[in-house]
Amino acid sequence: MATKQKQETKKGGESKGGAKQQVSRREHKNSASPAPAPRLRGYYETKVRERLMGEFGLANVHEIPRLAKIVVNVGLGEALKQPKLLDSIVTELEVITGQRPVRTKAKKSIANFGLREGQEIGASVTLRGARMWEFLDRLFNVAMPRIRDFRGINTRAFDGRGNFSLGLKEQVIFPEIDYDQVEQVHGMDVTFVTTTNRDDHAFALLRELGMPFRGEIKPVIVSI
């Protein structure tokens, strides 16, 4: 009798375990799939790196220049008189970059401008990894073609240490921004920080990634 009860208990346990396995399989099947890798990063790893090695005769793969981070900064003097305007800028930056911005504060007081030390005067975002590559892809392929009378990017904005700064006059060039809900049109500074300290290496890197420099405007990557 005891043996029969033990067998029934074992069968019941197996059925419960089987149900758990079915539930776990169902959850795994319906779970969200991982986000695809940024296509521009794949393009860099498969094509750009090899081209840069051949162009500059680099023997060590660690010498190949790469993009370390992108810093998007907005400074707004009107924020001194309209603090709520800075809230809208923070929201727009978050929509554009997909990352929560950091509010920048004045490092010192300037009486002529009515500026006090520690007062919030802008917002900044530092992008790395997948978000950096996705932002770069949207900037080159979507936002820049929407600039009016666009004739290319000036090549004189390198700082002598392999970094490049770009000024955008309007945030509405990004399709994520709804023009009807914009309180004020403003510009932003985008800084590309590379791992090299040579401007010619950084120039070649950005050019191969699709930066439309003036005089070298060409169709941006369509497929990889």
N, C-alpha and C. Protein backbone atom coordinates (compact mmCIF):
# COMPACT_ATOMS: atom_id res chain seq x y z
N MET A 1 0.83 -1.21 0.00
CA MET A 1 0.00 0.00 0.00
C MET A 1 0.86 1.25 0.00
N ALA A 2 1.89 1.19 0.87
CA ALA A 2 2.80 2.33 0.96
C ALA A 2 3.54 2.52 -0.36
N THR A 3 3.88 1.37 -0.98
CA THR A 3 4.60 1.45 -2.25
C THR A 3 3.73 2.10 -3.33
N LYS A 4 2.45 1.79 -3.33
CA LYS A 4 1.51 2.36 -4.32
C LYS A 4 1.38 3.86 -4.13
N GLN A 5 1.27 4.32 -2.85
CA GLN A 5 1.16 5.75 -2.59
C GLN A 5 2.44 6.48 -3.03
N LYS A 6 3.60 5.82 -2.79
CA LYS A 6 4.87 6.44 -3.16
C LYS A 6 4.96 6.60 -4.68
N GLN A 7 4.47 5.58 -5.41
CA GLN A 7 4.50 5.65 -6.86
C GLN A 7 3.58 6.75 -7.38
N GLU A 8 2.38 6.87 -6.74
CA GLU A 8 1.45 7.92 -7.15
C GLU A 8 2.04 9.30 -6.87
N THR A 9 2.72 9.43 -5.70
CA THR A 9 3.34 10.71 -5.36
C THR A 9 4.43 11.06 -6.37
N LYS A 10 5.21 10.05 -6.77
CA LYS A 10 6.27 10.26 -7.74
C LYS A 10 5.70 10.70 -9.08
N LYS A 11 4.59 10.05 -9.50
CA LYS A 11 3.95 10.45 -10.76
C LYS A 11 3.43 11.87 -10.68
N GLY A 12 2.84 12.21 -9.52
CA GLY A 12 2.32 13.57 -9.37
C GLY A 12 3.43 14.59 -9.42
N GLY A 13 4.58 14.24 -8.78
CA GLY A 13 5.71 15.17 -8.82
C GLY A 13 6.24 15.36 -10.22
N GLU A 14 6.26 14.27 -10.99
CA GLU A 14 6.74 14.38 -12.36
C GLU A 14 5.81 15.24 -13.18
N SER A 15 4.52 15.12 -12.97
CA SER A 15 3.58 15.93 -13.74
C SER A 15 3.72 17.39 -13.39
N LYS A 16 3.93 17.68 -12.08
CA LYS A 16 4.11 19.08 -11.70
C LYS A 16 5.41 19.62 -12.29
N GLY A 17 6.45 18.76 -12.21
CA GLY A 17 7.72 19.20 -12.79
C GLY A 17 7.59 19.43 -14.28
N GLY A 18 6.84 18.55 -14.96
CA GLY A 18 6.62 18.72 -16.39
C GLY A 18 5.88 20.01 -16.69
N ALA A 19 4.91 20.34 -15.82
CA ALA A 19 4.17 21.59 -16.00
C ALA A 19 5.10 22.78 -15.84
N LYS A 20 6.00 22.70 -14.86
CA LYS A 20 6.94 23.79 -14.66
C LYS A 20 7.86 23.95 -15.87
N GLN A 21 8.28 22.81 -16.43
CA GLN A 21 9.14 22.89 -17.60
C GLN A 21 8.40 23.52 -18.76
N GLN A 22 7.11 23.18 -18.91
CA GLN A 22 6.34 23.77 -20.01
C GLN A 22 6.18 25.27 -19.80
N VAL A 23 5.95 25.70 -18.57
CA VAL A 23 5.80 27.12 -18.29
C VAL A 23 7.10 27.86 -18.58
N SER A 24 8.22 27.27 -18.12
CA SER A 24 9.51 27.92 -18.34
C SER A 24 9.83 28.02 -19.83
N ARG A 25 9.48 26.95 -20.58
CA ARG A 25 9.70 27.01 -22.02
C ARG A 25 8.83 28.07 -22.66
N ARG A 26 7.59 28.18 -22.19
CA ARG A 26 6.68 29.17 -22.75
C ARG A 26 7.19 30.58 -22.46
N GLU A 27 7.68 30.81 -21.24
CA GLU A 27 8.20 32.12 -20.89
C GLU A 27 9.43 32.46 -21.71
N HIS A 28 10.29 31.46 -21.92
CA HIS A 28 11.49 31.70 -22.71
C HIS A 28 11.14 32.00 -24.16
N LYS A 29 10.12 31.34 -24.67
CA LYS A 29 9.72 31.55 -26.05
C LYS A 29 9.15 32.93 -26.24
N ASN A 30 8.40 33.45 -25.30
CA ASN A 30 7.76 34.74 -25.43
C ASN A 30 8.58 35.88 -24.87
N SER A 31 9.74 35.57 -24.28
CA SER A 31 10.57 36.63 -23.71
C SER A 31 11.13 37.50 -24.82
N ALA A 32 11.44 38.75 -24.47
CA ALA A 32 11.94 39.70 -25.46
C ALA A 32 13.32 39.28 -25.94
N SER A 33 13.52 39.33 -27.24
CA SER A 33 14.81 38.97 -27.81
C SER A 33 15.82 40.08 -27.56
N PRO A 34 17.10 39.76 -27.47
CA PRO A 34 18.12 40.79 -27.22
C PRO A 34 18.19 41.78 -28.36
N ALA A 35 18.57 43.01 -28.03
CA ALA A 35 18.66 44.06 -29.04
C ALA A 35 19.79 43.74 -30.02
N PRO A 36 19.56 44.01 -31.29
CA PRO A 36 20.61 43.74 -32.28
C PRO A 36 21.82 44.64 -32.07
N ALA A 37 22.98 44.17 -32.45
CA ALA A 37 24.20 44.96 -32.31
C ALA A 37 24.15 46.16 -33.26
N PRO A 38 24.68 47.31 -32.84
CA PRO A 38 24.68 48.49 -33.71
C PRO A 38 25.38 48.20 -35.03
N ARG A 39 24.75 48.53 -36.12
CA ARG A 39 25.28 48.18 -37.44
C ARG A 39 26.56 48.94 -37.75
N LEU A 40 26.69 50.19 -37.25
CA LEU A 40 27.88 50.97 -37.54
C LEU A 40 29.10 50.41 -36.81
N ARG A 41 28.89 49.83 -35.64
CA ARG A 41 29.99 49.19 -34.93
C ARG A 41 30.46 47.95 -35.70
N GLY A 42 29.51 47.19 -36.24
CA GLY A 42 29.88 46.04 -37.05
C GLY A 42 30.63 46.45 -38.31
N TYR A 43 30.22 47.56 -38.90
CA TYR A 43 30.91 48.07 -40.09
C TYR A 43 32.34 48.47 -39.74
N TYR A 44 32.53 49.08 -38.57
CA TYR A 44 33.87 49.47 -38.14
C TYR A 44 34.76 48.25 -37.94
N GLU A 45 34.22 47.23 -37.28
CA GLU A 45 35.03 46.06 -36.95
C GLU A 45 35.38 45.23 -38.19
N THR A 46 34.50 45.19 -39.17
CA THR A 46 34.72 44.33 -40.33
C THR A 46 35.43 45.02 -41.49
N LYS A 47 35.28 46.34 -41.62
CA LYS A 47 35.82 47.03 -42.79
C LYS A 47 36.74 48.20 -42.45
N VAL A 48 36.30 49.07 -41.53
CA VAL A 48 37.06 50.30 -41.27
C VAL A 48 38.42 50.00 -40.66
N ARG A 49 38.48 49.07 -39.73
CA ARG A 49 39.75 48.76 -39.08
C ARG A 49 40.80 48.30 -40.08
N GLU A 50 40.40 47.45 -40.99
CA GLU A 50 41.34 46.94 -41.99
C GLU A 50 41.81 48.07 -42.91
N ARG A 51 40.91 48.96 -43.28
CA ARG A 51 41.29 50.07 -44.15
C ARG A 51 42.27 51.00 -43.45
N LEU A 52 42.04 51.30 -42.16
CA LEU A 52 42.93 52.19 -41.43
C LEU A 52 44.31 51.57 -41.25
N MET A 53 44.36 50.27 -41.03
CA MET A 53 45.65 49.59 -40.90
C MET A 53 46.45 49.69 -42.20
N GLY A 54 45.79 49.52 -43.32
CA GLY A 54 46.47 49.62 -44.60
C GLY A 54 46.86 51.05 -44.94
N GLU A 55 46.01 52.02 -44.60
CA GLU A 55 46.29 53.41 -44.94
C GLU A 55 47.49 53.97 -44.19
N PHE A 56 47.61 53.63 -42.91
CA PHE A 56 48.68 54.18 -42.08
C PHE A 56 49.79 53.17 -41.79
N GLY A 57 49.71 51.98 -42.36
CA GLY A 57 50.74 50.98 -42.16
C GLY A 57 50.90 50.55 -40.72
N LEU A 58 49.79 50.33 -40.04
CA LEU A 58 49.81 49.94 -38.63
C LEU A 58 49.96 48.43 -38.53
N ALA A 59 50.92 48.01 -37.70
CA ALA A 59 51.15 46.57 -37.52
C ALA A 59 50.45 46.04 -36.27
N ASN A 60 50.25 46.89 -35.30
CA ASN A 60 49.62 46.49 -34.04
C ASN A 60 48.14 46.89 -34.07
N VAL A 61 47.26 45.95 -33.79
CA VAL A 61 45.82 46.24 -33.83
C VAL A 61 45.43 47.26 -32.76
N HIS A 62 46.21 47.36 -31.71
CA HIS A 62 45.90 48.32 -30.65
C HIS A 62 46.20 49.76 -31.07
N GLU A 63 46.93 49.93 -32.16
CA GLU A 63 47.22 51.26 -32.66
C GLU A 63 46.11 51.80 -33.56
N ILE A 64 45.20 50.95 -33.94
CA ILE A 64 44.11 51.39 -34.82
C ILE A 64 43.21 52.37 -34.06
N PRO A 65 42.98 53.56 -34.61
CA PRO A 65 42.11 54.53 -33.91
C PRO A 65 40.67 54.04 -33.83
N ARG A 66 40.04 54.32 -32.74
CA ARG A 66 38.64 53.98 -32.57
C ARG A 66 37.94 55.08 -31.79
N LEU A 67 36.64 55.05 -31.84
CA LEU A 67 35.84 56.06 -31.15
C LEU A 67 35.65 55.66 -29.70
N ALA A 68 36.05 56.53 -28.78
CA ALA A 68 35.96 56.22 -27.34
C ALA A 68 34.63 56.67 -26.75
N LYS A 69 34.19 57.88 -27.08
CA LYS A 69 32.93 58.39 -26.54
C LYS A 69 32.48 59.59 -27.35
N ILE A 70 31.22 59.93 -27.21
CA ILE A 70 30.63 61.12 -27.82
C ILE A 70 29.96 61.93 -26.72
N VAL A 71 30.30 63.21 -26.66
CA VAL A 71 29.73 64.10 -25.65
C VAL A 71 28.81 65.10 -26.34
N VAL A 72 27.56 65.13 -25.93
CA VAL A 72 26.57 66.07 -26.47
C VAL A 72 26.27 67.09 -25.38
N ASN A 73 26.52 68.36 -25.68
CA ASN A 73 26.39 69.41 -24.67
C ASN A 73 25.51 70.55 -25.19
N VAL A 74 24.67 71.05 -24.32
CA VAL A 74 23.82 72.20 -24.62
C VAL A 74 24.01 73.24 -23.52
N GLY A 75 24.46 74.43 -23.90
CA GLY A 75 24.57 75.55 -22.96
C GLY A 75 23.52 76.59 -23.29
N LEU A 76 22.80 77.02 -22.29
CA LEU A 76 21.67 77.92 -22.53
C LEU A 76 21.72 79.08 -21.53
N GLY A 77 22.04 80.28 -22.03
CA GLY A 77 22.09 81.45 -21.17
C GLY A 77 20.72 81.87 -20.68
N GLU A 78 19.67 81.58 -21.49
CA GLU A 78 18.32 81.94 -21.08
C GLU A 78 17.85 81.16 -19.86
N ALA A 79 18.55 80.08 -19.53
CA ALA A 79 18.16 79.29 -18.37
C ALA A 79 18.30 80.07 -17.07
N LEU A 80 19.10 81.14 -17.08
CA LEU A 80 19.25 81.97 -15.88
C LEU A 80 17.95 82.67 -15.54
N LYS A 81 17.21 83.08 -16.57
CA LYS A 81 15.95 83.79 -16.36
C LYS A 81 14.74 82.86 -16.48
N GLN A 82 14.91 81.75 -17.19
CA GLN A 82 13.81 80.81 -17.38
C GLN A 82 14.26 79.40 -16.97
N PRO A 83 14.24 79.11 -15.68
CA PRO A 83 14.72 77.80 -15.22
C PRO A 83 13.93 76.63 -15.81
N LYS A 84 12.64 76.84 -16.09
CA LYS A 84 11.82 75.75 -16.63
C LYS A 84 12.23 75.38 -18.05
N LEU A 85 12.88 76.33 -18.74
CA LEU A 85 13.31 76.04 -20.10
C LEU A 85 14.38 74.95 -20.11
N LEU A 86 15.15 74.88 -19.06
CA LEU A 86 16.19 73.85 -18.96
C LEU A 86 15.57 72.46 -18.83
N ASP A 87 14.39 72.39 -18.23
CA ASP A 87 13.71 71.09 -18.11
C ASP A 87 13.36 70.53 -19.48
N SER A 88 12.91 71.39 -20.38
CA SER A 88 12.57 70.92 -21.72
C SER A 88 13.82 70.49 -22.48
N ILE A 89 14.94 71.15 -22.25
CA ILE A 89 16.19 70.78 -22.91
C ILE A 89 16.65 69.41 -22.43
N VAL A 90 16.53 69.17 -21.14
CA VAL A 90 16.90 67.87 -20.59
C VAL A 90 16.04 66.77 -21.19
N THR A 91 14.75 67.03 -21.33
CA THR A 91 13.84 66.04 -21.92
C THR A 91 14.19 65.77 -23.38
N GLU A 92 14.48 66.84 -24.13
CA GLU A 92 14.82 66.66 -25.54
C GLU A 92 16.13 65.90 -25.72
N LEU A 93 17.12 66.20 -24.90
CA LEU A 93 18.38 65.47 -24.99
C LEU A 93 18.20 63.99 -24.68
N GLU A 94 17.35 63.71 -23.72
CA GLU A 94 17.09 62.31 -23.37
C GLU A 94 16.41 61.58 -24.53
N VAL A 95 15.50 62.26 -25.22
CA VAL A 95 14.81 61.65 -26.36
C VAL A 95 15.79 61.42 -27.52
N ILE A 96 16.70 62.37 -27.74
CA ILE A 96 17.63 62.28 -28.85
C ILE A 96 18.68 61.20 -28.62
N THR A 97 19.23 61.15 -27.40
CA THR A 97 20.36 60.26 -27.12
C THR A 97 19.95 58.95 -26.47
N GLY A 98 18.76 58.88 -25.88
CA GLY A 98 18.35 57.66 -25.20
C GLY A 98 18.99 57.50 -23.83
N GLN A 99 19.55 58.59 -23.30
CA GLN A 99 20.22 58.53 -22.00
C GLN A 99 19.91 59.80 -21.21
N ARG A 100 19.77 59.63 -19.90
CA ARG A 100 19.43 60.76 -19.05
C ARG A 100 20.59 61.75 -18.97
N PRO A 101 20.39 63.03 -19.32
CA PRO A 101 21.47 64.02 -19.28
C PRO A 101 21.82 64.44 -17.85
N VAL A 102 22.98 65.03 -17.74
CA VAL A 102 23.44 65.61 -16.48
C VAL A 102 23.38 67.13 -16.61
N ARG A 103 22.80 67.78 -15.64
CA ARG A 103 22.71 69.24 -15.68
C ARG A 103 24.08 69.84 -15.33
N THR A 104 24.54 70.74 -16.20
CA THR A 104 25.83 71.39 -15.97
C THR A 104 25.64 72.67 -15.17
N LYS A 105 26.61 72.95 -14.31
CA LYS A 105 26.54 74.12 -13.42
C LYS A 105 27.71 75.05 -13.64
N ALA A 106 27.50 76.31 -13.34
CA ALA A 106 28.55 77.31 -13.50
C ALA A 106 29.67 77.06 -12.49
N LYS A 107 30.91 77.13 -12.97
CA LYS A 107 32.05 76.87 -12.10
C LYS A 107 32.46 78.09 -11.29
N LYS A 108 32.06 79.28 -11.75
CA LYS A 108 32.38 80.50 -11.01
C LYS A 108 31.31 81.56 -11.27
N SER A 109 31.28 82.56 -10.43
CA SER A 109 30.29 83.64 -10.54
C SER A 109 30.82 84.74 -11.45
N ILE A 110 29.92 85.27 -12.29
CA ILE A 110 30.24 86.40 -13.18
C ILE A 110 29.14 87.43 -13.00
N ALA A 111 29.49 88.54 -12.36
CA ALA A 111 28.49 89.55 -12.00
C ALA A 111 27.88 90.21 -13.22
N ASN A 112 28.68 90.44 -14.27
CA ASN A 112 28.17 91.13 -15.46
C ASN A 112 27.07 90.34 -16.16
N PHE A 113 27.11 89.02 -16.03
CA PHE A 113 26.10 88.18 -16.65
C PHE A 113 25.04 87.72 -15.65
N GLY A 114 25.14 88.17 -14.41
CA GLY A 114 24.19 87.73 -13.39
C GLY A 114 24.30 86.25 -13.10
N LEU A 115 25.50 85.72 -13.23
CA LEU A 115 25.73 84.30 -13.06
C LEU A 115 26.33 84.01 -11.70
N ARG A 116 25.77 83.05 -11.01
CA ARG A 116 26.27 82.65 -9.71
C ARG A 116 26.90 81.26 -9.79
N GLU A 117 27.90 81.03 -9.00
CA GLU A 117 28.57 79.73 -8.97
C GLU A 117 27.60 78.64 -8.52
N GLY A 118 27.59 77.54 -9.27
CA GLY A 118 26.70 76.43 -8.96
C GLY A 118 25.33 76.52 -9.60
N GLN A 119 25.07 77.59 -10.35
CA GLN A 119 23.77 77.74 -11.01
C GLN A 119 23.71 76.87 -12.26
N GLU A 120 22.59 76.21 -12.50
CA GLU A 120 22.43 75.34 -13.66
C GLU A 120 22.28 76.17 -14.94
N ILE A 121 23.15 75.87 -15.91
CA ILE A 121 23.17 76.66 -17.15
C ILE A 121 23.12 75.79 -18.40
N GLY A 122 22.95 74.48 -18.25
CA GLY A 122 22.91 73.63 -19.43
C GLY A 122 22.76 72.17 -19.07
N ALA A 123 22.96 71.32 -20.07
CA ALA A 123 22.85 69.87 -19.87
C ALA A 123 23.86 69.17 -20.78
N SER A 124 24.30 68.01 -20.35
CA SER A 124 25.31 67.28 -21.10
C SER A 124 25.06 65.77 -21.00
N VAL A 125 25.41 65.06 -22.07
CA VAL A 125 25.28 63.61 -22.12
C VAL A 125 26.59 63.02 -22.66
N THR A 126 27.10 62.00 -22.00
CA THR A 126 28.29 61.28 -22.47
C THR A 126 27.88 59.88 -22.89
N LEU A 127 28.05 59.59 -24.17
CA LEU A 127 27.61 58.32 -24.73
C LEU A 127 28.79 57.40 -24.97
N ARG A 128 28.62 56.15 -24.59
CA ARG A 128 29.62 55.11 -24.84
C ARG A 128 28.90 53.84 -25.29
N GLY A 129 29.67 52.90 -25.83
CA GLY A 129 29.12 51.60 -26.17
C GLY A 129 28.06 51.66 -27.25
N ALA A 130 27.03 50.84 -27.09
CA ALA A 130 25.99 50.70 -28.12
C ALA A 130 25.24 52.01 -28.36
N ARG A 131 24.94 52.76 -27.31
CA ARG A 131 24.22 54.03 -27.49
C ARG A 131 25.04 55.02 -28.29
N MET A 132 26.34 55.01 -28.11
CA MET A 132 27.21 55.89 -28.88
C MET A 132 27.14 55.56 -30.36
N TRP A 133 27.24 54.27 -30.71
CA TRP A 133 27.19 53.87 -32.11
C TRP A 133 25.83 54.13 -32.73
N GLU A 134 24.76 53.91 -31.99
CA GLU A 134 23.42 54.16 -32.51
C GLU A 134 23.19 55.65 -32.75
N PHE A 135 23.67 56.48 -31.82
CA PHE A 135 23.54 57.93 -32.01
C PHE A 135 24.34 58.38 -33.23
N LEU A 136 25.54 57.85 -33.38
CA LEU A 136 26.38 58.21 -34.51
C LEU A 136 25.71 57.83 -35.83
N ASP A 137 25.10 56.67 -35.87
CA ASP A 137 24.41 56.22 -37.08
C ASP A 137 23.25 57.14 -37.42
N ARG A 138 22.46 57.50 -36.43
CA ARG A 138 21.32 58.39 -36.68
C ARG A 138 21.78 59.80 -37.05
N LEU A 139 22.88 60.25 -36.47
CA LEU A 139 23.40 61.58 -36.77
C LEU A 139 23.85 61.68 -38.22
N PHE A 140 24.60 60.68 -38.69
CA PHE A 140 25.13 60.72 -40.05
C PHE A 140 24.07 60.43 -41.10
N ASN A 141 23.19 59.48 -40.83
CA ASN A 141 22.27 58.98 -41.85
C ASN A 141 20.89 59.61 -41.84
N VAL A 142 20.50 60.20 -40.71
CA VAL A 142 19.15 60.74 -40.61
C VAL A 142 19.15 62.25 -40.34
N ALA A 143 19.90 62.68 -39.33
CA ALA A 143 19.84 64.08 -38.90
C ALA A 143 20.54 65.02 -39.88
N MET A 144 21.77 64.73 -40.25
CA MET A 144 22.52 65.65 -41.12
C MET A 144 21.89 65.86 -42.48
N PRO A 145 21.31 64.83 -43.11
CA PRO A 145 20.64 65.10 -44.38
C PRO A 145 19.44 66.04 -44.26
N ARG A 146 18.96 66.30 -43.04
CA ARG A 146 17.84 67.21 -42.84
C ARG A 146 18.26 68.65 -42.62
N ILE A 147 19.59 68.91 -42.61
CA ILE A 147 20.09 70.27 -42.43
C ILE A 147 19.89 71.06 -43.72
N ARG A 148 19.38 72.27 -43.60
CA ARG A 148 19.13 73.09 -44.79
C ARG A 148 20.46 73.54 -45.41
N ASP A 149 20.51 73.48 -46.73
CA ASP A 149 21.67 73.93 -47.49
C ASP A 149 22.96 73.33 -46.95
N PHE A 150 22.92 72.06 -46.67
CA PHE A 150 24.08 71.39 -46.09
C PHE A 150 25.16 71.21 -47.14
N ARG A 151 26.39 71.67 -46.83
CA ARG A 151 27.50 71.59 -47.77
C ARG A 151 28.68 70.82 -47.19
N GLY A 152 28.48 70.14 -46.12
CA GLY A 152 29.55 69.34 -45.53
C GLY A 152 30.07 69.93 -44.23
N ILE A 153 30.83 69.14 -43.51
CA ILE A 153 31.37 69.53 -42.22
C ILE A 153 32.77 70.11 -42.40
N ASN A 154 33.02 71.23 -41.74
CA ASN A 154 34.34 71.85 -41.79
C ASN A 154 35.37 70.95 -41.12
N THR A 155 36.53 70.81 -41.74
CA THR A 155 37.58 69.92 -41.21
C THR A 155 38.51 70.63 -40.23
N ARG A 156 38.26 71.89 -39.91
CA ARG A 156 39.17 72.65 -39.05
C ARG A 156 38.82 72.59 -37.57
N ALA A 157 37.92 71.71 -37.20
CA ALA A 157 37.47 71.67 -35.81
C ALA A 157 38.18 70.61 -34.98
N PHE A 158 39.32 70.09 -35.46
CA PHE A 158 40.12 69.17 -34.66
C PHE A 158 40.94 69.95 -33.64
N ASP A 159 41.16 69.35 -32.48
CA ASP A 159 41.83 70.07 -31.40
C ASP A 159 43.33 69.80 -31.31
N GLY A 160 43.89 69.05 -32.27
CA GLY A 160 45.31 68.75 -32.24
C GLY A 160 45.65 67.50 -31.44
N ARG A 161 44.66 66.90 -30.81
CA ARG A 161 44.87 65.69 -30.01
C ARG A 161 43.96 64.55 -30.46
N GLY A 162 43.44 64.64 -31.67
CA GLY A 162 42.63 63.56 -32.22
C GLY A 162 41.17 63.61 -31.87
N ASN A 163 40.69 64.76 -31.37
CA ASN A 163 39.28 64.92 -31.04
C ASN A 163 38.65 65.95 -31.97
N PHE A 164 37.38 65.78 -32.25
CA PHE A 164 36.69 66.64 -33.21
C PHE A 164 35.39 67.16 -32.59
N SER A 165 35.13 68.46 -32.76
CA SER A 165 33.92 69.09 -32.23
C SER A 165 33.06 69.60 -33.36
N LEU A 166 31.78 69.36 -33.22
CA LEU A 166 30.81 69.73 -34.25
C LEU A 166 29.68 70.53 -33.60
N GLY A 167 29.32 71.64 -34.24
CA GLY A 167 28.22 72.46 -33.74
C GLY A 167 26.97 72.30 -34.59
N LEU A 168 25.86 71.97 -33.95
CA LEU A 168 24.57 71.87 -34.64
C LEU A 168 23.71 73.05 -34.22
N LYS A 169 23.07 73.69 -35.19
CA LYS A 169 22.32 74.91 -34.90
C LYS A 169 20.92 74.64 -34.38
N GLU A 170 20.34 73.50 -34.74
CA GLU A 170 18.96 73.22 -34.36
C GLU A 170 18.81 71.77 -33.90
N GLN A 171 18.04 71.58 -32.84
CA GLN A 171 17.78 70.22 -32.36
C GLN A 171 16.68 69.55 -33.15
N VAL A 172 15.96 70.32 -33.97
CA VAL A 172 14.82 69.77 -34.70
C VAL A 172 15.25 68.94 -35.91
N ILE A 173 16.55 68.88 -36.20
CA ILE A 173 17.00 68.03 -37.30
C ILE A 173 16.88 66.55 -36.93
N PHE A 174 16.75 66.26 -35.65
CA PHE A 174 16.53 64.88 -35.22
C PHE A 174 15.04 64.56 -35.32
N PRO A 175 14.67 63.51 -36.01
CA PRO A 175 13.25 63.21 -36.21
C PRO A 175 12.52 62.85 -34.91
N GLU A 176 13.26 62.55 -33.84
CA GLU A 176 12.60 62.24 -32.57
C GLU A 176 11.95 63.46 -31.94
N ILE A 177 12.34 64.65 -32.38
CA ILE A 177 11.82 65.89 -31.81
C ILE A 177 10.59 66.35 -32.59
N ASP A 178 9.49 66.56 -31.88
CA ASP A 178 8.27 67.07 -32.49
C ASP A 178 8.35 68.60 -32.50
N TYR A 179 8.40 69.17 -33.70
CA TYR A 179 8.59 70.62 -33.82
C TYR A 179 7.46 71.40 -33.15
N ASP A 180 6.25 70.87 -33.16
CA ASP A 180 5.11 71.57 -32.57
C ASP A 180 5.21 71.67 -31.05
N GLN A 181 6.02 70.82 -30.44
CA GLN A 181 6.15 70.84 -28.99
C GLN A 181 7.45 71.48 -28.51
N VAL A 182 8.21 72.05 -29.44
CA VAL A 182 9.47 72.70 -29.08
C VAL A 182 9.21 74.08 -28.52
N GLU A 183 9.71 74.34 -27.33
CA GLU A 183 9.54 75.65 -26.71
C GLU A 183 10.50 76.68 -27.28
N GLN A 184 11.71 76.25 -27.59
CA GLN A 184 12.70 77.16 -28.15
C GLN A 184 13.73 76.36 -28.96
N VAL A 185 14.03 76.86 -30.15
CA VAL A 185 15.04 76.22 -30.98
C VAL A 185 16.42 76.59 -30.46
N HIS A 186 17.26 75.60 -30.28
CA HIS A 186 18.61 75.84 -29.74
C HIS A 186 19.60 74.91 -30.42
N GLY A 187 20.85 75.22 -30.30
CA GLY A 187 21.90 74.39 -30.87
C GLY A 187 22.50 73.47 -29.84
N MET A 188 23.49 72.72 -30.27
CA MET A 188 24.19 71.80 -29.37
C MET A 188 25.58 71.52 -29.93
N ASP A 189 26.50 71.20 -29.04
CA ASP A 189 27.86 70.86 -29.42
C ASP A 189 28.04 69.35 -29.27
N VAL A 190 28.60 68.73 -30.30
CA VAL A 190 28.87 67.29 -30.28
C VAL A 190 30.37 67.09 -30.42
N THR A 191 30.98 66.44 -29.43
CA THR A 191 32.42 66.21 -29.43
C THR A 191 32.69 64.72 -29.59
N PHE A 192 33.53 64.39 -30.56
CA PHE A 192 33.91 63.00 -30.83
C PHE A 192 35.31 62.78 -30.24
N VAL A 193 35.39 61.95 -29.24
CA VAL A 193 36.66 61.66 -28.57
C VAL A 193 37.17 60.32 -29.08
N THR A 194 38.38 60.33 -29.64
CA THR A 194 38.97 59.12 -30.20
C THR A 194 40.13 58.64 -29.32
N THR A 195 40.64 57.47 -29.63
CA THR A 195 41.74 56.90 -28.85
C THR A 195 43.11 57.32 -29.38
N THR A 196 43.15 58.07 -30.45
CA THR A 196 44.41 58.50 -31.03
C THR A 196 44.66 59.96 -30.68
N ASN A 197 45.93 60.36 -30.71
CA ASN A 197 46.28 61.76 -30.47
C ASN A 197 46.71 62.46 -31.75
N ARG A 198 46.44 61.84 -32.88
CA ARG A 198 46.78 62.42 -34.18
C ARG A 198 45.51 62.79 -34.93
N ASP A 199 45.49 64.03 -35.42
CA ASP A 199 44.30 64.50 -36.13
C ASP A 199 44.08 63.78 -37.45
N ASP A 200 45.17 63.41 -38.14
CA ASP A 200 45.00 62.74 -39.42
C ASP A 200 44.39 61.35 -39.23
N HIS A 201 44.75 60.66 -38.14
CA HIS A 201 44.15 59.36 -37.85
C HIS A 201 42.67 59.52 -37.49
N ALA A 202 42.36 60.54 -36.69
CA ALA A 202 40.97 60.78 -36.30
C ALA A 202 40.13 61.18 -37.50
N PHE A 203 40.71 61.99 -38.39
CA PHE A 203 40.00 62.40 -39.60
C PHE A 203 39.66 61.18 -40.46
N ALA A 204 40.63 60.30 -40.65
CA ALA A 204 40.39 59.10 -41.45
C ALA A 204 39.34 58.21 -40.81
N LEU A 205 39.36 58.10 -39.50
CA LEU A 205 38.38 57.28 -38.79
C LEU A 205 36.97 57.81 -39.01
N LEU A 206 36.76 59.10 -38.78
CA LEU A 206 35.43 59.69 -38.93
C LEU A 206 34.98 59.67 -40.39
N ARG A 207 35.91 59.87 -41.30
CA ARG A 207 35.57 59.83 -42.72
C ARG A 207 35.09 58.45 -43.13
N GLU A 208 35.78 57.40 -42.67
CA GLU A 208 35.39 56.04 -43.02
C GLU A 208 34.07 55.65 -42.37
N LEU A 209 33.76 56.23 -41.22
CA LEU A 209 32.50 55.93 -40.55
C LEU A 209 31.31 56.64 -41.20
N GLY A 210 31.59 57.62 -42.07
CA GLY A 210 30.51 58.28 -42.79
C GLY A 210 30.36 59.75 -42.51
N MET A 211 31.29 60.37 -41.77
CA MET A 211 31.20 61.81 -41.51
C MET A 211 31.32 62.56 -42.84
N PRO A 212 30.31 63.33 -43.23
CA PRO A 212 30.33 64.03 -44.53
C PRO A 212 31.15 65.32 -44.47
N PHE A 213 32.46 65.19 -44.51
CA PHE A 213 33.33 66.37 -44.48
C PHE A 213 33.18 67.18 -45.76
N ARG A 214 33.42 68.46 -45.64
CA ARG A 214 33.27 69.36 -46.77
C ARG A 214 34.24 68.99 -47.89
N GLY A 215 33.73 68.89 -49.09
CA GLY A 215 34.55 68.51 -50.23
C GLY A 215 34.66 67.00 -50.40
N GLU A 216 34.16 66.24 -49.42
CA GLU A 216 34.24 64.78 -49.52
C GLU A 216 32.87 64.14 -49.26
N ILE A 217 31.82 64.89 -49.54
CA ILE A 217 30.47 64.36 -49.32
C ILE A 217 30.23 63.19 -50.25
N LYS A 218 29.84 62.09 -49.67
CA LYS A 218 29.59 60.88 -50.44
C LYS A 218 28.39 60.15 -49.84
N PRO A 219 27.76 59.25 -50.57
CA PRO A 219 26.63 58.52 -50.01
C PRO A 219 27.04 57.78 -48.75
N VAL A 220 26.23 57.91 -47.71
CA VAL A 220 26.52 57.25 -46.44
C VAL A 220 26.15 55.78 -46.57
N ILE A 221 26.68 54.97 -45.65
CA ILE A 221 26.49 53.53 -45.69
C ILE A 221 25.00 53.20 -45.72
N VAL A 222 24.61 52.41 -46.68
CA VAL A 222 23.21 51.99 -46.77
C VAL A 222 23.04 50.59 -46.22
N SER A 223 23.96 49.73 -46.52
CA SER A 223 23.89 48.35 -46.05
C SER A 223 25.27 47.89 -45.64
N ILE A 224 25.29 46.87 -44.78
CA ILE A 224 26.55 46.35 -44.25
C ILE A 224 26.60 44.85 -44.52
